[in-house]
Amino acid sequence: MAKCANCGKVPVVGRNVSYAKNRTPRLFRPNLQKTSVYDPKTGRMVQKTLCAKCIRTLGKVKA
């Protein structure tokens, strides 16, 4: 399933609105990417699916 392992972001349903104000359904998908992250519980690198915002904040916490 498309879900961020850190914050739980999932696709959200919205609407496209044309110039004529016709409304059609669409999906807003989070920018999910597989990354290797250090897991302090196991003491090694694990692969997780995270959104781009969580990848940025995890990088800031480390530095």
N, C-alpha and C. Protein backbone atom coordinates (compact mmCIF):
# COMPACT_ATOMS: atom_id res chain seq x y z
N MET A 1 0.84 -1.18 0.00
CA MET A 1 0.00 0.00 0.00
C MET A 1 0.88 1.24 0.00
N ALA A 2 0.44 2.29 -0.68
CA ALA A 2 1.18 3.54 -0.73
C ALA A 2 0.97 4.31 0.58
N LYS A 3 1.95 4.17 1.50
CA LYS A 3 1.83 4.81 2.80
C LYS A 3 3.21 5.09 3.36
N CYS A 4 3.40 6.28 3.92
CA CYS A 4 4.68 6.64 4.53
C CYS A 4 4.84 5.87 5.85
N ALA A 5 6.00 5.26 6.04
CA ALA A 5 6.24 4.48 7.24
C ALA A 5 6.43 5.36 8.47
N ASN A 6 6.74 6.64 8.28
CA ASN A 6 7.00 7.54 9.40
C ASN A 6 5.75 8.32 9.82
N CYS A 7 5.13 9.03 8.89
CA CYS A 7 4.01 9.91 9.24
C CYS A 7 2.65 9.35 8.83
N GLY A 8 2.61 8.31 7.99
CA GLY A 8 1.35 7.69 7.61
C GLY A 8 0.60 8.38 6.49
N LYS A 9 1.29 9.21 5.71
CA LYS A 9 0.63 9.87 4.59
C LYS A 9 0.14 8.84 3.58
N VAL A 10 -1.09 9.04 3.06
CA VAL A 10 -1.69 8.17 2.06
C VAL A 10 -2.29 9.03 0.96
N PRO A 11 -2.62 8.45 -0.21
CA PRO A 11 -3.28 9.24 -1.25
C PRO A 11 -4.61 9.81 -0.76
N VAL A 12 -4.90 11.03 -1.18
CA VAL A 12 -6.12 11.73 -0.78
C VAL A 12 -6.94 12.03 -2.03
N VAL A 13 -8.27 11.89 -1.92
CA VAL A 13 -9.16 12.15 -3.05
C VAL A 13 -9.50 13.63 -3.09
N GLY A 14 -9.45 14.20 -4.31
CA GLY A 14 -9.82 15.59 -4.52
C GLY A 14 -10.53 15.72 -5.85
N ARG A 15 -10.55 16.93 -6.38
CA ARG A 15 -11.23 17.17 -7.65
C ARG A 15 -10.40 18.04 -8.55
N ASN A 16 -10.40 17.71 -9.86
CA ASN A 16 -9.90 18.62 -10.88
C ASN A 16 -11.02 19.60 -11.19
N VAL A 17 -10.69 20.87 -11.33
CA VAL A 17 -11.69 21.87 -11.70
C VAL A 17 -11.22 22.54 -12.97
N SER A 18 -12.00 22.38 -14.04
CA SER A 18 -11.64 22.96 -15.33
C SER A 18 -12.02 24.44 -15.37
N TYR A 19 -11.64 25.09 -16.45
CA TYR A 19 -11.97 26.51 -16.64
C TYR A 19 -13.48 26.71 -16.66
N ALA A 20 -14.22 25.71 -17.16
CA ALA A 20 -15.68 25.77 -17.20
C ALA A 20 -16.31 25.31 -15.88
N LYS A 21 -15.48 25.11 -14.86
CA LYS A 21 -15.91 24.68 -13.52
C LYS A 21 -16.51 23.27 -13.48
N ASN A 22 -16.15 22.44 -14.46
CA ASN A 22 -16.53 21.03 -14.41
C ASN A 22 -15.62 20.33 -13.41
N ARG A 23 -16.20 19.52 -12.55
CA ARG A 23 -15.42 18.85 -11.51
C ARG A 23 -15.32 17.36 -11.79
N THR A 24 -14.09 16.84 -11.80
CA THR A 24 -13.85 15.41 -12.00
C THR A 24 -12.94 14.93 -10.87
N PRO A 25 -13.14 13.68 -10.43
CA PRO A 25 -12.31 13.17 -9.33
C PRO A 25 -10.86 12.96 -9.73
N ARG A 26 -9.97 13.10 -8.77
CA ARG A 26 -8.54 12.84 -8.97
C ARG A 26 -7.90 12.43 -7.65
N LEU A 27 -6.66 11.94 -7.71
CA LEU A 27 -5.92 11.54 -6.52
C LEU A 27 -4.73 12.46 -6.30
N PHE A 28 -4.50 12.87 -5.07
CA PHE A 28 -3.28 13.57 -4.68
C PHE A 28 -2.40 12.53 -4.01
N ARG A 29 -1.31 12.15 -4.68
CA ARG A 29 -0.44 11.10 -4.16
C ARG A 29 0.77 11.71 -3.44
N PRO A 30 1.16 11.17 -2.28
CA PRO A 30 2.37 11.65 -1.61
C PRO A 30 3.62 11.22 -2.37
N ASN A 31 4.68 11.99 -2.26
CA ASN A 31 5.95 11.71 -2.94
C ASN A 31 6.71 10.66 -2.12
N LEU A 32 6.39 9.38 -2.34
CA LEU A 32 6.99 8.28 -1.58
C LEU A 32 8.21 7.73 -2.29
N GLN A 33 9.26 7.45 -1.49
CA GLN A 33 10.50 6.91 -2.03
C GLN A 33 11.07 5.89 -1.05
N LYS A 34 11.68 4.84 -1.60
CA LYS A 34 12.34 3.85 -0.74
C LYS A 34 13.71 4.36 -0.37
N THR A 35 14.01 4.40 0.93
CA THR A 35 15.29 4.87 1.41
C THR A 35 15.81 3.94 2.50
N SER A 36 17.11 3.94 2.67
CA SER A 36 17.73 3.19 3.75
C SER A 36 17.88 4.10 4.96
N VAL A 37 17.37 3.66 6.09
CA VAL A 37 17.36 4.46 7.32
C VAL A 37 17.96 3.63 8.45
N TYR A 38 18.70 4.27 9.33
CA TYR A 38 19.28 3.58 10.48
C TYR A 38 18.19 3.32 11.51
N ASP A 39 18.06 2.07 11.94
CA ASP A 39 17.08 1.68 12.95
C ASP A 39 17.80 1.45 14.27
N PRO A 40 17.58 2.31 15.27
CA PRO A 40 18.29 2.15 16.54
C PRO A 40 17.90 0.89 17.31
N LYS A 41 16.69 0.35 17.07
CA LYS A 41 16.26 -0.87 17.78
C LYS A 41 17.11 -2.07 17.37
N THR A 42 17.33 -2.21 16.05
CA THR A 42 18.10 -3.35 15.57
C THR A 42 19.58 -3.02 15.42
N GLY A 43 19.91 -1.73 15.33
CA GLY A 43 21.31 -1.33 15.20
C GLY A 43 21.85 -1.46 13.80
N ARG A 44 20.98 -1.47 12.79
CA ARG A 44 21.45 -1.56 11.41
C ARG A 44 20.54 -0.78 10.47
N MET A 45 20.94 -0.72 9.20
CA MET A 45 20.18 0.01 8.20
C MET A 45 19.01 -0.86 7.72
N VAL A 46 17.85 -0.25 7.62
CA VAL A 46 16.66 -0.94 7.08
C VAL A 46 16.07 -0.10 5.97
N GLN A 47 15.39 -0.76 5.03
CA GLN A 47 14.78 -0.04 3.92
C GLN A 47 13.33 0.26 4.26
N LYS A 48 12.96 1.57 4.16
CA LYS A 48 11.61 2.01 4.46
C LYS A 48 11.09 2.87 3.33
N THR A 49 9.77 2.94 3.20
CA THR A 49 9.12 3.82 2.24
C THR A 49 8.71 5.08 2.99
N LEU A 50 9.37 6.20 2.65
CA LEU A 50 9.11 7.47 3.33
C LEU A 50 8.71 8.54 2.32
N CYS A 51 7.95 9.54 2.78
CA CYS A 51 7.64 10.67 1.92
C CYS A 51 8.84 11.63 1.93
N ALA A 52 8.89 12.50 0.93
CA ALA A 52 10.04 13.39 0.77
C ALA A 52 10.21 14.31 1.98
N LYS A 53 9.11 14.73 2.59
CA LYS A 53 9.18 15.61 3.76
C LYS A 53 9.84 14.90 4.94
N CYS A 54 9.50 13.64 5.16
CA CYS A 54 10.10 12.88 6.26
C CYS A 54 11.58 12.62 6.01
N ILE A 55 11.95 12.38 4.75
CA ILE A 55 13.37 12.20 4.42
C ILE A 55 14.16 13.46 4.77
N ARG A 56 13.60 14.62 4.45
CA ARG A 56 14.26 15.89 4.76
C ARG A 56 14.40 16.09 6.25
N THR A 57 13.32 15.85 7.02
CA THR A 57 13.38 16.09 8.46
C THR A 57 14.30 15.10 9.15
N LEU A 58 14.33 13.85 8.70
CA LEU A 58 15.27 12.88 9.28
C LEU A 58 16.71 13.29 9.02
N GLY A 59 16.98 13.88 7.87
CA GLY A 59 18.31 14.38 7.55
C GLY A 59 18.70 15.53 8.44
N LYS A 60 17.73 16.38 8.79
CA LYS A 60 18.02 17.52 9.67
C LYS A 60 18.27 17.08 11.10
N VAL A 61 17.57 16.03 11.55
CA VAL A 61 17.73 15.55 12.92
C VAL A 61 19.12 14.98 13.11
N LYS A 62 19.63 14.27 12.09
CA LYS A 62 20.96 13.66 12.19
C LYS A 62 22.05 14.70 12.31
N ALA A 63 21.95 15.78 11.54
CA ALA A 63 23.02 16.78 11.49
C ALA A 63 23.05 17.67 12.71
